[in-house]
Each structure stands twice: as structure tokens, then as C-alpha cells.
N, C-alpha and C. Protein backbone atom coordinates (compact mmCIF):
# COMPACT_ATOMS: atom_id res chain seq x y z
N MET A 1 77.24 140.37 116.66
CA MET A 1 77.62 139.00 116.49
C MET A 1 79.05 138.74 116.97
N VAL A 2 79.96 139.67 116.73
CA VAL A 2 81.35 139.52 117.13
C VAL A 2 81.45 139.29 118.63
N ARG A 3 80.78 140.12 119.39
CA ARG A 3 80.83 139.98 120.85
C ARG A 3 80.23 138.65 121.28
N SER A 4 79.15 138.24 120.65
CA SER A 4 78.51 136.97 121.00
C SER A 4 79.45 135.79 120.78
N VAL A 5 80.15 135.79 119.66
CA VAL A 5 81.10 134.71 119.37
C VAL A 5 82.22 134.70 120.41
N LEU A 6 82.74 135.88 120.75
CA LEU A 6 83.78 135.95 121.77
C LEU A 6 83.28 135.48 123.12
N LEU A 7 82.04 135.80 123.46
CA LEU A 7 81.46 135.34 124.72
C LEU A 7 81.34 133.81 124.74
N VAL A 8 80.92 133.23 123.63
CA VAL A 8 80.79 131.76 123.56
C VAL A 8 82.17 131.10 123.68
N ILE A 9 83.15 131.63 122.97
CA ILE A 9 84.50 131.06 123.04
C ILE A 9 85.08 131.24 124.45
N GLY A 10 84.85 132.40 125.04
CA GLY A 10 85.30 132.63 126.42
C GLY A 10 84.65 131.65 127.38
N ALA A 11 83.36 131.39 127.19
CA ALA A 11 82.65 130.43 128.04
C ALA A 11 83.20 129.01 127.81
N TYR A 12 83.54 128.69 126.57
CA TYR A 12 84.14 127.39 126.27
C TYR A 12 85.47 127.22 127.01
N PHE A 13 86.34 128.23 126.91
CA PHE A 13 87.63 128.14 127.60
C PHE A 13 87.43 128.07 129.11
N GLY A 14 86.56 128.91 129.64
CA GLY A 14 86.29 128.89 131.07
C GLY A 14 85.68 127.57 131.51
N GLY A 15 84.73 127.06 130.73
CA GLY A 15 84.11 125.78 131.05
C GLY A 15 85.10 124.64 131.01
N LEU A 16 86.00 124.69 130.04
CA LEU A 16 87.05 123.67 129.96
C LEU A 16 87.92 123.71 131.21
N GLY A 17 88.24 124.92 131.65
CA GLY A 17 89.03 125.06 132.88
C GLY A 17 88.32 124.47 134.08
N VAL A 18 87.02 124.73 134.19
CA VAL A 18 86.24 124.17 135.31
C VAL A 18 86.21 122.64 135.22
N LEU A 19 85.97 122.11 134.02
CA LEU A 19 85.95 120.66 133.82
C LEU A 19 87.29 120.04 134.21
N MET A 20 88.37 120.64 133.77
CA MET A 20 89.70 120.12 134.08
C MET A 20 89.97 120.18 135.58
N TRP A 21 89.50 121.23 136.24
CA TRP A 21 89.73 121.38 137.67
C TRP A 21 88.91 120.35 138.48
N LEU A 22 87.63 120.20 138.11
CA LEU A 22 86.74 119.34 138.89
C LEU A 22 86.88 117.85 138.57
N THR A 23 87.19 117.52 137.33
CA THR A 23 87.29 116.11 136.93
C THR A 23 88.58 115.88 136.13
N PRO A 24 89.73 116.10 136.74
CA PRO A 24 90.99 116.03 136.00
C PRO A 24 91.29 114.65 135.41
N GLU A 25 90.99 113.58 136.16
CA GLU A 25 91.26 112.24 135.63
C GLU A 25 90.37 111.93 134.43
N LEU A 26 89.11 112.33 134.52
CA LEU A 26 88.18 112.11 133.41
C LEU A 26 88.65 112.87 132.17
N TRP A 27 89.04 114.13 132.35
CA TRP A 27 89.55 114.93 131.23
C TRP A 27 90.76 114.24 130.62
N TYR A 28 91.68 113.78 131.46
CA TYR A 28 92.90 113.12 130.99
C TYR A 28 92.57 111.87 130.18
N GLU A 29 91.64 111.07 130.65
CA GLU A 29 91.29 109.82 129.99
C GLU A 29 90.50 110.02 128.69
N LEU A 30 89.65 111.04 128.64
CA LEU A 30 88.76 111.22 127.49
C LEU A 30 89.33 112.09 126.38
N THR A 31 90.34 112.89 126.65
CA THR A 31 90.87 113.80 125.63
C THR A 31 91.89 113.05 124.76
N PRO A 32 91.59 112.89 123.46
CA PRO A 32 92.49 112.15 122.58
C PRO A 32 93.90 112.72 122.57
N GLY A 33 94.88 111.84 122.73
CA GLY A 33 96.28 112.22 122.64
C GLY A 33 96.93 112.63 123.94
N VAL A 34 96.15 112.99 124.95
CA VAL A 34 96.74 113.47 126.20
C VAL A 34 97.57 112.38 126.87
N GLY A 35 97.07 111.15 126.86
CA GLY A 35 97.80 110.05 127.48
C GLY A 35 99.15 109.79 126.84
N MET A 36 99.32 110.19 125.57
CA MET A 36 100.60 110.00 124.88
C MET A 36 101.69 110.92 125.43
N THR A 37 101.29 111.94 126.18
CA THR A 37 102.27 112.91 126.67
C THR A 37 102.92 112.49 127.98
N GLY A 38 102.44 111.40 128.57
CA GLY A 38 103.01 110.92 129.82
C GLY A 38 101.92 110.56 130.81
N PRO A 39 102.33 110.10 131.99
CA PRO A 39 101.35 109.69 132.99
C PRO A 39 100.56 110.88 133.54
N PHE A 40 99.40 110.58 134.10
CA PHE A 40 98.54 111.61 134.69
C PHE A 40 99.30 112.39 135.75
N ASN A 41 99.16 113.71 135.71
CA ASN A 41 99.82 114.60 136.67
C ASN A 41 98.78 115.64 137.10
N LEU A 42 98.22 115.47 138.29
CA LEU A 42 97.17 116.35 138.78
C LEU A 42 97.62 117.80 138.81
N HIS A 43 98.82 118.05 139.27
CA HIS A 43 99.33 119.42 139.36
C HIS A 43 99.33 120.08 137.98
N PHE A 44 99.84 119.37 136.98
CA PHE A 44 99.91 119.90 135.63
C PHE A 44 98.52 120.20 135.06
N VAL A 45 97.60 119.24 135.22
CA VAL A 45 96.24 119.43 134.70
C VAL A 45 95.58 120.64 135.36
N ARG A 46 95.74 120.79 136.66
CA ARG A 46 95.11 121.92 137.35
C ARG A 46 95.79 123.24 137.01
N ASP A 47 97.10 123.22 136.76
CA ASP A 47 97.76 124.44 136.28
C ASP A 47 97.11 124.91 134.98
N ILE A 48 96.93 123.98 134.05
CA ILE A 48 96.34 124.33 132.75
C ILE A 48 94.88 124.73 132.93
N ALA A 49 94.18 124.09 133.86
CA ALA A 49 92.79 124.47 134.14
C ALA A 49 92.71 125.94 134.53
N MET A 50 93.62 126.38 135.40
CA MET A 50 93.60 127.79 135.82
C MET A 50 93.94 128.72 134.66
N ILE A 51 94.84 128.29 133.78
CA ILE A 51 95.18 129.11 132.61
C ILE A 51 93.94 129.28 131.73
N PHE A 52 93.21 128.20 131.50
CA PHE A 52 91.99 128.29 130.69
C PHE A 52 90.93 129.15 131.37
N LEU A 53 90.82 129.08 132.69
CA LEU A 53 89.88 129.95 133.41
C LEU A 53 90.23 131.42 133.22
N VAL A 54 91.51 131.74 133.32
CA VAL A 54 91.95 133.13 133.13
C VAL A 54 91.71 133.56 131.69
N SER A 55 92.02 132.70 130.73
CA SER A 55 91.81 133.03 129.32
C SER A 55 90.33 133.27 129.02
N GLY A 56 89.50 132.37 129.49
CA GLY A 56 88.06 132.53 129.28
C GLY A 56 87.53 133.80 129.92
N SER A 57 87.99 134.08 131.13
CA SER A 57 87.57 135.31 131.82
C SER A 57 88.01 136.55 131.07
N GLY A 58 89.23 136.53 130.55
CA GLY A 58 89.73 137.68 129.78
C GLY A 58 88.92 137.92 128.52
N LEU A 59 88.58 136.84 127.82
CA LEU A 59 87.76 137.00 126.61
C LEU A 59 86.37 137.51 126.94
N ILE A 60 85.77 136.96 127.98
CA ILE A 60 84.43 137.41 128.37
C ILE A 60 84.47 138.87 128.81
N TRP A 61 85.42 139.22 129.65
CA TRP A 61 85.57 140.61 130.12
C TRP A 61 85.77 141.55 128.94
N GLY A 62 86.68 141.19 128.05
CA GLY A 62 86.95 142.03 126.89
C GLY A 62 85.75 142.17 125.97
N ALA A 63 85.02 141.09 125.76
CA ALA A 63 83.83 141.14 124.89
C ALA A 63 82.75 142.02 125.51
N LEU A 64 82.53 141.86 126.81
CA LEU A 64 81.50 142.67 127.48
C LEU A 64 81.85 144.15 127.46
N ARG A 65 83.11 144.47 127.60
CA ARG A 65 83.56 145.87 127.64
C ARG A 65 83.96 146.40 126.26
N GLN A 66 83.87 145.54 125.24
CA GLN A 66 84.33 145.89 123.89
C GLN A 66 85.76 146.40 123.93
N ASP A 67 86.63 145.63 124.55
CA ASP A 67 88.02 146.00 124.77
C ASP A 67 88.93 144.98 124.08
N GLN A 68 89.49 145.39 122.94
CA GLN A 68 90.36 144.48 122.18
C GLN A 68 91.58 144.05 122.99
N THR A 69 92.15 144.95 123.76
CA THR A 69 93.34 144.63 124.54
C THR A 69 93.06 143.50 125.53
N ALA A 70 91.97 143.59 126.25
CA ALA A 70 91.60 142.53 127.19
C ALA A 70 91.39 141.21 126.45
N CYS A 71 90.76 141.29 125.28
CA CYS A 71 90.53 140.07 124.49
C CYS A 71 91.85 139.46 124.03
N VAL A 72 92.80 140.30 123.64
CA VAL A 72 94.10 139.78 123.21
C VAL A 72 94.78 139.04 124.36
N PHE A 73 94.73 139.61 125.56
CA PHE A 73 95.30 138.91 126.71
C PHE A 73 94.56 137.60 126.96
N GLY A 74 93.24 137.61 126.77
CA GLY A 74 92.45 136.40 126.98
C GLY A 74 92.75 135.30 125.98
N VAL A 75 93.11 135.67 124.76
CA VAL A 75 93.34 134.66 123.73
C VAL A 75 94.82 134.30 123.58
N ALA A 76 95.70 134.98 124.28
CA ALA A 76 97.14 134.73 124.13
C ALA A 76 97.50 133.26 124.41
N TRP A 77 97.06 132.73 125.54
CA TRP A 77 97.36 131.33 125.85
C TRP A 77 96.76 130.37 124.82
N PRO A 78 95.47 130.47 124.48
CA PRO A 78 94.93 129.53 123.50
C PRO A 78 95.65 129.58 122.15
N VAL A 79 96.11 130.76 121.73
CA VAL A 79 96.84 130.85 120.46
C VAL A 79 98.20 130.16 120.57
N MET A 80 98.92 130.42 121.66
CA MET A 80 100.21 129.74 121.84
C MET A 80 100.01 128.23 121.93
N HIS A 81 98.97 127.81 122.60
CA HIS A 81 98.62 126.40 122.73
C HIS A 81 98.32 125.81 121.34
N ALA A 82 97.58 126.55 120.51
CA ALA A 82 97.24 126.09 119.17
C ALA A 82 98.49 125.96 118.30
N VAL A 83 99.38 126.94 118.37
CA VAL A 83 100.63 126.87 117.59
C VAL A 83 101.45 125.65 118.01
N PHE A 84 101.57 125.44 119.31
CA PHE A 84 102.32 124.28 119.81
C PHE A 84 101.70 122.97 119.34
N HIS A 85 100.38 122.88 119.38
CA HIS A 85 99.72 121.65 118.94
C HIS A 85 99.82 121.45 117.43
N PHE A 86 99.88 122.52 116.68
CA PHE A 86 100.11 122.39 115.24
C PHE A 86 101.50 121.80 115.00
N TRP A 87 102.47 122.27 115.76
CA TRP A 87 103.83 121.75 115.66
C TRP A 87 103.86 120.26 116.04
N ILE A 88 103.16 119.89 117.12
CA ILE A 88 103.11 118.49 117.54
C ILE A 88 102.50 117.63 116.43
N TRP A 89 101.41 118.11 115.83
CA TRP A 89 100.76 117.38 114.75
C TRP A 89 101.75 117.15 113.60
N GLY A 90 102.50 118.18 113.23
CA GLY A 90 103.51 118.04 112.18
C GLY A 90 104.60 117.05 112.57
N ALA A 91 105.03 117.10 113.83
CA ALA A 91 106.07 116.18 114.31
C ALA A 91 105.58 114.73 114.28
N ARG A 92 104.27 114.54 114.38
CA ARG A 92 103.69 113.20 114.32
C ARG A 92 103.50 112.75 112.86
N GLY A 93 103.86 113.58 111.91
CA GLY A 93 103.73 113.23 110.50
C GLY A 93 102.44 113.71 109.85
N GLY A 94 101.68 114.56 110.56
CA GLY A 94 100.45 115.12 110.01
C GLY A 94 99.34 114.10 109.78
N PRO A 95 99.15 113.15 110.70
CA PRO A 95 98.11 112.14 110.48
C PRO A 95 96.70 112.72 110.62
N MET A 96 95.78 112.13 109.89
CA MET A 96 94.37 112.50 110.00
C MET A 96 93.70 111.45 110.89
N ASP A 97 93.73 111.68 112.19
CA ASP A 97 93.18 110.73 113.15
C ASP A 97 92.33 111.47 114.18
N MET A 98 91.86 110.75 115.19
CA MET A 98 91.02 111.38 116.22
C MET A 98 91.77 112.45 117.00
N ILE A 99 93.07 112.27 117.16
CA ILE A 99 93.85 113.29 117.85
C ILE A 99 93.85 114.57 117.03
N ALA A 100 94.05 114.45 115.73
CA ALA A 100 94.04 115.63 114.85
C ALA A 100 92.67 116.29 114.84
N LEU A 101 91.61 115.49 114.80
CA LEU A 101 90.25 116.04 114.80
C LEU A 101 89.96 116.78 116.11
N SER A 102 90.35 116.17 117.22
CA SER A 102 90.18 116.81 118.52
C SER A 102 90.96 118.12 118.59
N ASN A 103 92.18 118.10 118.05
CA ASN A 103 93.01 119.30 118.00
C ASN A 103 92.33 120.38 117.17
N LEU A 104 91.83 120.01 116.01
CA LEU A 104 91.18 120.98 115.12
C LEU A 104 89.96 121.61 115.77
N ILE A 105 89.07 120.77 116.31
CA ILE A 105 87.81 121.27 116.86
C ILE A 105 87.99 121.92 118.22
N GLY A 106 88.80 121.32 119.08
CA GLY A 106 88.90 121.80 120.46
C GLY A 106 89.96 122.84 120.72
N ILE A 107 90.97 122.92 119.84
CA ILE A 107 92.08 123.85 120.09
C ILE A 107 92.20 124.89 118.97
N GLN A 108 92.39 124.42 117.73
CA GLN A 108 92.66 125.34 116.62
C GLN A 108 91.47 126.26 116.31
N LEU A 109 90.31 125.67 116.10
CA LEU A 109 89.13 126.46 115.71
C LEU A 109 88.79 127.56 116.71
N PRO A 110 88.66 127.25 118.01
CA PRO A 110 88.31 128.33 118.95
C PRO A 110 89.38 129.42 119.04
N ALA A 111 90.65 129.03 119.01
CA ALA A 111 91.72 130.03 119.13
C ALA A 111 91.72 130.98 117.94
N TRP A 112 91.72 130.43 116.74
CA TRP A 112 91.83 131.28 115.55
C TRP A 112 90.52 132.02 115.24
N LEU A 113 89.39 131.43 115.59
CA LEU A 113 88.12 132.15 115.45
C LEU A 113 88.10 133.35 116.40
N ALA A 114 88.60 133.16 117.61
CA ALA A 114 88.67 134.28 118.56
C ALA A 114 89.55 135.39 118.02
N VAL A 115 90.70 135.04 117.45
CA VAL A 115 91.59 136.07 116.88
C VAL A 115 90.86 136.83 115.78
N THR A 116 90.16 136.11 114.91
CA THR A 116 89.41 136.75 113.82
C THR A 116 88.35 137.71 114.38
N MET A 117 87.65 137.29 115.41
CA MET A 117 86.62 138.14 116.01
C MET A 117 87.23 139.35 116.72
N ILE A 118 88.37 139.17 117.36
CA ILE A 118 89.03 140.29 118.05
C ILE A 118 89.42 141.36 117.04
N VAL A 119 89.91 140.94 115.88
CA VAL A 119 90.27 141.91 114.83
C VAL A 119 89.04 142.70 114.41
N ARG A 120 87.88 142.07 114.41
CA ARG A 120 86.64 142.73 113.99
C ARG A 120 85.96 143.52 115.11
N LEU A 121 86.38 143.29 116.35
CA LEU A 121 85.76 143.97 117.49
C LEU A 121 86.13 145.44 117.49
N ARG A 122 85.15 146.28 117.65
CA ARG A 122 85.41 147.72 117.72
C ARG A 122 85.51 148.10 119.19
N ASN A 123 86.61 148.75 119.53
CA ASN A 123 86.77 149.20 120.90
C ASN A 123 85.70 150.22 121.25
N LYS A 124 85.14 150.09 122.43
CA LYS A 124 84.17 151.05 122.92
C LYS A 124 84.93 152.29 123.37
N GLU A 125 84.42 153.44 123.02
CA GLU A 125 85.05 154.69 123.44
C GLU A 125 84.93 154.83 124.95
N VAL A 126 86.03 155.10 125.57
CA VAL A 126 86.06 155.24 127.03
C VAL A 126 86.34 156.70 127.37
N ASN A 127 85.49 157.26 128.22
CA ASN A 127 85.74 158.63 128.68
C ASN A 127 86.88 158.61 129.67
N ARG A 128 87.87 159.43 129.43
CA ARG A 128 89.04 159.47 130.33
C ARG A 128 89.09 160.79 131.03
């Protein structure tokens, strides 16, 4: 089950990266709170898309190989992103709104669930 959860989260991050790359304006318009950060910037959105693609790939690779280290590298960006968004939420006064719900479901839950699963993942013995 641990590997399956990591594969799903990795696919979510990778899929998000693909969505951001292929439809950046749509992602910008539909994601709650993004417009509050400033005007649309294609370069910025595509930079983040590539980061999510790398993160998703790292989680998938690590889950398939039962490699905690690869999974940690895969989840590093989403965790830093989650911490930053928690700080932003606090700076906004901790409101319970659609931005907070989107943050909880789309950012916090996948990042921290992945960390929990990585802790439970058993490294596969590798012949050296």
C-alpha cells in the first residue's frame, strides 16, 4: 500500500506539471489564490511545471525501486512548497476560504502524506 500511495502522489505531481506546462493560463485562472500573487507569468508557471514533473518522477522512481532517498528528493520541493503556503495562509490571518481549502487538498495533504509514506517505505536491498 505504501508504494501505491507514493505512486499516486507522484502521478499527481507529475500530472500537475503536465497541466501547468500545456495549459498555463487555464491553471493560473482556475487555481484559487494564484491571481493574488501578481499578473500571469508564463516563464514562472512553466518553471514550476518542470519542478513538479521532476518531483513526481522522483517519487515514482523511488516508489518503484523502493528507494527512500529517491523519494525524499522527489518530495523535497512539495514539502518546501507546503511550508511556504502554510506561512502565506498565516500571513493572511488564517482564513477558512476556498484558497485555504485548495491549499489543504492540493498542496498540504499530498506533501505530508508522501512524507508519512516515505517513512514507512522499506528500502529494497541492493546487491553491491
